[in-house]
Amino acid sequence: MTGLRVALDVLPLAGERTGVGRYCAGLAGALLGRGDIELSGYAIARRAGRATAGPAGALGLRVRTFGVPTRLANEIWARSEQPPIEWLLGPVDVVHGTNYVVPPARQAGRVVTVHDLTAIRYPELCAPASLAYPRLVARAVRHGAFVHVPSSFVGEEVTELLGLDPGRVRVVPHGLDDAVGGDVRPRATAGQVTRPAPYVLALGAVEPRKDLPTLVRAFAELAGAHPDLELVVVGPDGWGAPAFAAAVAGSGVARRVVRLGYLEEDRRRLLLSQASVLAYPSLYEGFGFPPLEAMALGVPVVAARAGAVPEVVGDAAELVAPGDVAALAGALARVLDDNGLRSTLIAAGHIRAASFTWSAAASSMIALYETAAADRRAR
């Protein structure tokens, strides 16, 4: 293998796979298929080795791990350019922090991915540790890093809210796994999830930004006209779980709200493929994988017109104002009842989803790596 030596932060691969983990896995898989870079991984966390061994091994990625608490490393790097990444990994040409934090470097070019700026726009919706991310990003850019964002929306926010030079910000949309649009039904096994009743599906961690209580209230409004319909919520518990539970308890239709928690990829994909509609009521998003995944599987999408969602879904989804219970209920009812609208959304969704590929993302990221490496050499 020839070309740039790139070190990728693979800590997002650990644990239950969220959107950042999907991005990390998709990008790493696409980069490993190329012959023009030499890719390795790194992870900094107390139990980094144990947490990343399985998913990194599945990708065939060589990983160096360091058993330092992530928060401690971030606190040090918020104030200092020590220790540089070369002390941990040896010589590399580019280091890419895939989740807001990129280590300092002596010789390597630096790239840091900013998924959104919830920490600034909606700090009340963030876990405390996330509030430090903007400061870490701004410091990294002052010391020569380039910023990768998944949408033009986030790019504009980064330049506006962090005061960054637009020349150091690059928009590279995420891709979609090739397997998402395939025939998932033959993969079903006795241990996988199927539902006998039609259902509205929501995917994502139960956190305030996802605004699942609004979805529960909207479902309650349309439930009477659709007596067989269920609301199924899939994703790990987050710190929005109490508000979600309270909304379900007060909905009057609690028995028809099904909470499945986190599901492994094949089970999640199967459940998505059989949904009547995907609901995506987020208050704020920097990208949004679930709508694209639904579109690839022929499932119509109703989403909130929030953040980068309109940019990602284009004209292939029904969009409503964030937090508007009546509008969300009405849009869901239209998609459930109007076969012509369903067909239009499904056809447009297939086209839209096909435009997001990890191959294209990898090519654009390599161009950014080359820019970052050249910029560092010129300093």
Protein backbone atom coordinates (compact mmCIF):
# COMPACT_ATOMS: atom_id res chain seq x y z
CA MET A 1 0.00 0.00 0.00
CA THR A 2 1.22 3.48 -0.84
CA GLY A 3 0.23 7.04 -0.23
CA LEU A 4 -0.62 9.04 2.85
CA ARG A 5 -0.45 7.47 6.29
CA VAL A 6 -3.76 8.38 7.93
CA ALA A 7 -4.65 7.70 11.56
CA LEU A 8 -8.40 7.60 12.22
CA ASP A 9 -10.07 7.91 15.63
CA VAL A 10 -12.13 4.71 15.88
CA LEU A 11 -13.44 5.13 19.43
CA PRO A 12 -16.95 5.81 18.01
CA LEU A 13 -17.00 2.16 16.88
CA ALA A 14 -17.19 1.07 20.51
CA GLY A 15 -20.43 0.22 22.24
CA GLU A 16 -23.93 0.60 20.85
CA ARG A 17 -23.70 1.99 17.32
CA THR A 18 -25.12 5.51 16.98
CA GLY A 19 -24.91 7.92 14.06
CA VAL A 20 -21.29 8.85 14.77
CA GLY A 21 -20.39 5.17 14.96
CA ARG A 22 -22.12 4.51 11.62
CA TYR A 23 -20.15 7.34 10.07
CA CYS A 24 -16.87 6.04 11.48
CA ALA A 25 -17.52 2.48 10.31
CA GLY A 26 -18.69 3.55 6.86
CA LEU A 27 -15.77 5.86 6.23
CA ALA A 28 -13.18 3.42 7.57
CA GLY A 29 -14.59 0.60 5.43
CA ALA A 30 -14.47 2.73 2.29
CA LEU A 31 -10.96 4.00 3.00
CA LEU A 32 -9.68 0.49 3.63
CA GLY A 33 -10.85 -0.46 0.17
CA ARG A 34 -8.57 2.11 -1.41
CA GLY A 35 -4.97 1.61 -2.43
CA ASP A 36 -3.86 5.22 -2.21
CA ILE A 37 -3.67 5.63 1.58
CA GLU A 38 -2.35 3.60 4.50
CA LEU A 39 -5.06 3.64 7.14
CA SER A 40 -4.66 2.83 10.81
CA GLY A 41 -6.88 3.46 13.81
CA TYR A 42 -6.39 4.85 17.28
CA ALA A 43 -8.62 5.01 20.35
CA ILE A 44 -8.11 6.84 23.63
CA ALA A 45 -10.27 5.70 26.52
CA ARG A 46 -9.94 3.86 29.79
CA ARG A 47 -10.96 0.53 28.22
CA ALA A 48 -10.23 1.42 24.61
CA GLY A 49 -8.64 -1.90 23.71
CA ARG A 50 -11.54 -4.03 24.86
CA ALA A 51 -14.15 -1.64 23.45
CA THR A 52 -12.75 -1.34 19.92
CA ALA A 53 -11.18 -4.78 19.35
CA GLY A 54 -14.31 -6.42 17.94
CA PRO A 55 -15.58 -3.75 15.53
CA ALA A 56 -12.10 -2.75 14.35
CA GLY A 57 -11.23 -6.41 13.82
CA ALA A 58 -14.37 -6.90 11.76
CA LEU A 59 -13.21 -4.12 9.47
CA GLY A 60 -9.68 -5.51 9.30
CA LEU A 61 -8.28 -2.29 10.74
CA ARG A 62 -5.06 -2.16 12.77
CA VAL A 63 -5.66 -0.09 15.91
CA ARG A 64 -3.44 1.40 18.61
CA THR A 65 -5.22 1.99 21.89
CA PHE A 66 -4.32 4.03 24.97
CA GLY A 67 -5.92 3.46 28.36
CA VAL A 68 -6.28 7.11 29.32
CA PRO A 69 -9.75 8.41 30.24
CA THR A 70 -11.17 10.25 27.24
CA ARG A 71 -12.30 13.24 29.29
CA LEU A 72 -8.85 13.63 30.87
CA ALA A 73 -7.18 13.63 27.44
CA ASN A 74 -9.66 16.21 26.20
CA GLU A 75 -9.05 18.45 29.22
CA ILE A 76 -5.30 18.33 28.60
CA TRP A 77 -5.68 19.07 24.88
CA ALA A 78 -8.03 21.96 25.59
CA ARG A 79 -5.05 23.76 27.18
CA SER A 80 -1.93 22.26 25.64
CA GLU A 81 -0.43 20.93 22.43
CA GLN A 82 1.10 18.04 24.37
CA PRO A 83 1.39 15.15 24.00
CA PRO A 84 1.41 15.16 20.19
CA ILE A 85 -0.11 12.22 18.34
CA GLU A 86 3.32 11.12 17.14
CA TRP A 87 4.23 10.17 20.73
CA LEU A 88 1.35 7.72 20.66
CA LEU A 89 1.37 6.43 17.08
CA GLY A 90 4.76 7.20 15.61
CA PRO A 91 5.04 9.02 12.27
CA VAL A 92 1.79 9.68 10.38
CA ASP A 93 0.92 12.16 7.64
CA VAL A 94 -2.62 12.99 8.80
CA VAL A 95 -4.58 12.43 11.99
CA HIS A 96 -8.37 12.55 11.72
CA GLY A 97 -10.47 13.07 14.84
CA THR A 98 -13.87 11.68 13.89
CA ASN A 99 -15.84 13.12 16.82
CA TYR A 100 -15.01 16.77 17.58
CA VAL A 101 -11.55 16.14 19.07
CA VAL A 102 -8.27 15.79 17.17
CA PRO A 103 -4.98 15.35 19.06
CA PRO A 104 -2.17 17.87 18.60
CA ALA A 105 0.59 16.91 16.20
CA ARG A 106 4.17 17.93 15.51
CA GLN A 107 4.37 16.99 11.84
CA ALA A 108 1.00 15.53 10.83
CA GLY A 109 -1.83 17.40 9.18
CA ARG A 110 -5.01 17.45 11.26
CA VAL A 111 -8.68 17.00 10.36
CA VAL A 112 -11.55 17.12 12.85
CA THR A 113 -15.15 16.17 12.12
CA VAL A 114 -17.89 18.39 13.54
CA HIS A 115 -21.23 16.61 13.32
CA ASP A 116 -23.33 19.54 14.56
CA LEU A 117 -23.21 22.44 16.99
CA THR A 118 -25.89 21.35 19.42
CA ALA A 119 -23.51 22.36 22.24
CA ILE A 120 -23.89 26.00 21.15
CA ARG A 121 -27.38 26.09 19.63
CA TYR A 122 -29.08 23.97 22.27
CA PRO A 123 -26.73 23.50 25.24
CA GLU A 124 -29.70 22.45 27.38
CA LEU A 125 -30.10 19.39 25.12
CA CYS A 126 -26.47 18.26 25.59
CA ALA A 127 -24.77 15.94 28.02
CA PRO A 128 -22.22 17.95 30.08
CA ALA A 129 -19.15 16.41 28.43
CA SER A 130 -20.32 17.61 25.00
CA LEU A 131 -20.27 21.27 26.01
CA ALA A 132 -16.46 21.35 25.72
CA TYR A 133 -16.43 20.33 22.04
CA PRO A 134 -16.69 23.80 20.42
CA ARG A 135 -13.71 25.06 22.43
CA LEU A 136 -11.66 22.00 21.42
CA VAL A 137 -12.54 22.46 17.75
CA ALA A 138 -11.69 26.17 17.77
CA ARG A 139 -8.34 25.51 19.44
CA ALA A 140 -7.46 22.77 16.93
CA VAL A 141 -8.20 25.11 14.00
CA ARG A 142 -6.05 27.85 15.52
CA HIS A 143 -3.23 25.32 15.51
CA GLY A 144 -3.71 24.33 11.88
CA ALA A 145 -6.54 21.77 11.76
CA PHE A 146 -9.11 21.54 8.98
CA VAL A 147 -12.77 20.93 9.82
CA HIS A 148 -14.87 18.30 8.10
CA VAL A 149 -18.66 18.75 8.27
CA PRO A 150 -21.33 16.43 6.81
CA SER A 151 -23.60 19.17 5.47
CA SER A 152 -23.52 22.74 4.23
CA PHE A 153 -25.82 23.62 7.12
CA VAL A 154 -23.18 22.61 9.67
CA GLY A 155 -20.48 24.29 7.60
CA GLU A 156 -22.30 27.61 7.78
CA GLU A 157 -22.85 27.19 11.52
CA VAL A 158 -19.19 26.39 12.13
CA THR A 159 -17.99 29.50 10.34
CA GLU A 160 -20.66 31.70 11.94
CA LEU A 161 -20.70 30.45 15.53
CA LEU A 162 -17.04 29.52 15.93
CA GLY A 163 -15.71 32.35 13.78
CA LEU A 164 -13.64 29.99 11.63
CA ASP A 165 -12.06 30.75 8.28
CA PRO A 166 -14.36 29.17 5.65
CA GLY A 167 -11.23 28.09 3.81
CA ARG A 168 -10.51 25.60 6.57
CA VAL A 169 -13.96 24.01 6.46
CA ARG A 170 -14.87 21.23 4.03
CA VAL A 171 -18.32 19.76 3.39
CA VAL A 172 -18.23 16.02 2.72
CA PRO A 173 -21.63 14.30 3.11
CA HIS A 174 -21.75 10.88 4.68
CA GLY A 175 -22.52 7.80 2.64
CA LEU A 176 -24.97 4.97 2.97
CA ASP A 177 -24.00 1.34 3.47
CA ASP A 178 -24.44 -0.74 0.32
CA ALA A 179 -26.29 -3.39 2.33
CA VAL A 180 -29.01 -0.98 3.41
CA GLY A 181 -30.82 -1.07 0.10
CA GLY A 182 -30.56 -4.81 -0.35
CA ASP A 183 -33.18 -7.49 0.27
CA VAL A 184 -33.14 -7.80 4.04
CA ARG A 185 -35.97 -10.28 4.46
CA PRO A 186 -34.00 -13.45 3.65
CA ARG A 187 -31.73 -12.58 6.58
CA ALA A 188 -34.57 -12.94 9.06
CA THR A 189 -34.09 -15.57 11.72
CA ALA A 190 -36.10 -16.70 14.70
CA GLY A 191 -34.19 -14.26 16.88
CA GLN A 192 -35.00 -11.23 14.75
CA VAL A 193 -37.79 -8.74 15.26
CA THR A 194 -40.98 -8.72 13.23
CA ARG A 195 -44.26 -7.00 14.06
CA PRO A 196 -47.70 -8.31 13.09
CA ALA A 197 -49.34 -4.85 13.13
CA PRO A 198 -48.56 -1.82 10.94
CA TYR A 199 -46.29 0.64 12.70
CA VAL A 200 -44.70 4.05 12.63
CA LEU A 201 -41.01 3.65 13.40
CA ALA A 202 -38.59 6.02 15.12
CA LEU A 203 -34.85 5.29 15.21
CA GLY A 204 -32.30 6.95 17.47
CA ALA A 205 -31.11 7.41 21.01
CA VAL A 206 -33.78 8.61 23.42
CA GLU A 207 -32.36 12.05 24.05
CA PRO A 208 -34.02 15.50 24.11
CA ARG A 209 -32.75 16.52 20.67
CA LYS A 210 -34.74 13.70 19.05
CA ASP A 211 -38.01 15.12 20.47
CA LEU A 212 -39.72 11.77 20.86
CA PRO A 213 -42.35 13.17 23.27
CA THR A 214 -43.74 15.23 20.36
CA LEU A 215 -43.93 12.07 18.27
CA VAL A 216 -45.79 10.25 21.04
CA ARG A 217 -48.35 13.07 21.23
CA ALA A 218 -48.73 13.11 17.44
CA PHE A 219 -49.24 9.36 17.42
CA ALA A 220 -51.93 9.73 20.06
CA GLU A 221 -53.77 12.19 17.78
CA LEU A 222 -53.89 9.81 14.81
CA ALA A 223 -54.25 6.55 16.74
CA GLY A 224 -58.04 6.71 16.85
CA ALA A 225 -58.37 6.72 13.07
CA HIS A 226 -55.80 3.92 12.75
CA PRO A 227 -56.81 1.37 15.41
CA ASP A 228 -54.27 -1.26 14.38
CA LEU A 229 -51.30 1.10 14.16
CA GLU A 230 -48.39 0.97 16.63
CA LEU A 231 -45.54 3.34 17.37
CA VAL A 232 -42.22 1.49 17.63
CA VAL A 233 -39.17 3.29 19.06
CA VAL A 234 -35.75 1.72 18.55
CA GLY A 235 -32.50 3.04 20.02
CA PRO A 236 -30.47 3.12 23.21
CA ASP A 237 -31.69 4.96 26.28
CA GLY A 238 -30.27 8.43 26.67
CA TRP A 239 -30.92 11.20 29.13
CA GLY A 240 -34.24 11.94 27.47
CA ALA A 241 -35.71 8.64 28.64
CA PRO A 242 -37.70 10.08 31.59
CA ALA A 243 -39.46 12.67 29.39
CA PHE A 244 -40.24 10.00 26.80
CA ALA A 245 -41.63 7.66 29.46
CA ALA A 246 -43.80 10.47 30.86
CA ALA A 247 -45.16 11.28 27.40
CA VAL A 248 -46.04 7.62 26.82
CA ALA A 249 -47.70 7.31 30.22
CA GLY A 250 -49.86 10.35 29.57
CA SER A 251 -50.71 9.56 25.94
CA GLY A 252 -53.77 7.39 26.46
CA VAL A 253 -52.32 4.89 23.97
CA ALA A 254 -49.40 3.55 26.01
CA ARG A 255 -50.19 -0.06 25.11
CA ARG A 256 -49.62 0.75 21.45
CA VAL A 257 -46.20 2.35 22.00
CA VAL A 258 -43.50 -0.31 21.75
CA ARG A 259 -40.03 0.46 23.13
CA LEU A 260 -37.48 -2.02 21.77
CA GLY A 261 -34.24 -0.35 22.84
CA TYR A 262 -30.99 -0.91 20.98
CA LEU A 263 -30.98 -3.52 18.19
CA GLU A 264 -28.07 -5.05 16.30
CA GLU A 265 -27.75 -4.00 12.67
CA ASP A 266 -29.55 -6.87 10.91
CA ARG A 267 -32.50 -6.74 13.31
CA ARG A 268 -32.72 -2.97 13.04
CA ARG A 269 -32.63 -3.08 9.23
CA LEU A 270 -35.33 -5.75 9.08
CA LEU A 271 -37.62 -3.75 11.36
CA LEU A 272 -37.05 -0.62 9.29
CA SER A 273 -37.83 -2.42 6.04
CA GLN A 274 -41.26 -3.43 7.32
CA ALA A 275 -42.32 -0.06 8.76
CA SER A 276 -45.31 1.81 7.33
CA VAL A 277 -43.46 5.11 7.74
CA LEU A 278 -40.32 6.41 9.43
CA ALA A 279 -40.87 9.40 11.73
CA TYR A 280 -37.89 11.68 12.35
CA PRO A 281 -39.08 14.53 14.58
CA SER A 282 -35.68 15.89 15.68
CA LEU A 283 -35.33 19.46 16.87
CA TYR A 284 -31.84 19.74 15.35
CA GLU A 285 -29.63 17.53 13.16
CA GLY A 286 -26.30 17.97 11.43
CA PHE A 287 -27.04 15.15 8.97
CA GLY A 288 -29.48 12.28 9.64
CA PHE A 289 -28.85 8.66 8.63
CA PRO A 290 -32.28 7.12 9.42
CA PRO A 291 -34.25 8.99 6.72
CA LEU A 292 -31.77 7.92 4.04
CA GLU A 293 -31.77 4.34 5.30
CA ALA A 294 -35.56 4.29 5.18
CA MET A 295 -35.57 5.68 1.65
CA ALA A 296 -33.12 3.03 0.47
CA LEU A 297 -35.50 0.36 1.79
CA GLY A 298 -38.60 1.85 0.20
CA VAL A 299 -40.07 3.28 3.42
CA PRO A 300 -41.65 6.77 3.23
CA VAL A 301 -40.34 9.43 5.61
CA VAL A 302 -41.98 12.17 7.67
CA ALA A 303 -39.41 14.46 9.29
CA ALA A 304 -39.08 17.76 11.09
CA ARG A 305 -37.71 20.64 9.04
CA ALA A 306 -34.77 21.02 11.39
CA GLY A 307 -31.07 21.68 10.87
CA ALA A 308 -29.60 19.79 7.94
CA VAL A 309 -32.60 17.47 7.45
CA PRO A 310 -34.10 19.41 4.49
CA GLU A 311 -30.69 19.47 2.83
CA VAL A 312 -30.29 15.71 3.24
CA VAL A 313 -33.78 14.51 2.29
CA GLY A 314 -34.48 17.00 -0.51
CA ASP A 315 -37.97 16.55 -1.95
CA ALA A 316 -38.16 12.89 -0.92
CA ALA A 317 -39.85 13.34 2.48
CA GLU A 318 -42.82 15.06 4.05
CA LEU A 319 -41.43 17.89 6.21
CA VAL A 320 -43.12 19.65 9.12
CA ALA A 321 -42.15 22.35 11.60
CA PRO A 322 -40.14 21.03 14.58
CA GLY A 323 -42.22 20.51 17.71
CA ASP A 324 -45.59 20.91 15.93
CA VAL A 325 -47.71 18.01 17.17
CA ALA A 326 -50.69 18.67 14.90
CA ALA A 327 -48.54 19.06 11.78
CA LEU A 328 -46.64 15.88 12.53
CA ALA A 329 -49.85 13.93 13.14
CA GLY A 330 -51.34 15.27 9.90
CA ALA A 331 -48.28 14.40 7.83
CA LEU A 332 -48.14 10.88 9.23
CA ALA A 333 -51.84 10.41 8.49
CA ARG A 334 -51.41 11.60 4.90
CA VAL A 335 -48.54 9.21 4.25
CA LEU A 336 -50.44 6.33 5.83
CA ASP A 337 -53.70 7.00 3.95
CA ASP A 338 -52.70 8.43 0.57
CA ASN A 339 -51.31 5.67 -1.65
CA GLY A 340 -50.35 8.14 -4.36
CA LEU A 341 -48.29 10.20 -1.93
CA ARG A 342 -46.68 7.05 -0.57
CA SER A 343 -45.67 5.93 -4.06
CA THR A 344 -44.26 9.36 -4.89
CA LEU A 345 -42.20 9.51 -1.71
CA ILE A 346 -40.90 5.96 -2.12
CA ALA A 347 -39.79 6.57 -5.72
CA ALA A 348 -38.13 9.88 -4.84
CA GLY A 349 -36.54 8.30 -1.77
CA HIS A 350 -34.82 5.56 -3.76
CA ILE A 351 -33.26 8.20 -6.02
CA ARG A 352 -32.24 10.40 -3.12
CA ALA A 353 -30.65 7.63 -1.08
CA ALA A 354 -28.65 6.39 -4.06
CA SER A 355 -26.86 9.76 -4.27
CA PHE A 356 -25.10 9.22 -0.91
CA THR A 357 -22.23 6.72 -1.20
CA TRP A 358 -19.25 5.95 0.99
CA SER A 359 -17.10 5.64 -2.13
CA ALA A 360 -17.72 9.30 -2.98
CA ALA A 361 -17.22 10.30 0.66
CA ALA A 362 -13.88 8.46 0.81
CA SER A 363 -12.62 10.17 -2.35
CA SER A 364 -13.53 13.60 -0.98
CA MET A 365 -11.97 12.83 2.40
CA ILE A 366 -8.72 11.72 0.79
CA ALA A 367 -8.62 15.04 -1.07
CA LEU A 368 -9.03 16.78 2.28
CA TYR A 369 -6.28 14.65 3.83
CA GLU A 370 -3.95 15.63 1.01
CA THR A 371 -4.78 19.31 1.57
CA ALA A 372 -4.18 19.00 5.31
CA ALA A 373 -0.86 17.21 4.83
CA ALA A 374 0.35 19.76 2.27
CA ASP A 375 -0.72 22.64 4.48
CA ARG A 376 1.23 21.19 7.39
CA ARG A 377 4.35 20.70 5.29
CA ALA A 378 4.15 24.32 4.17
CA ARG A 379 4.06 25.66 7.74
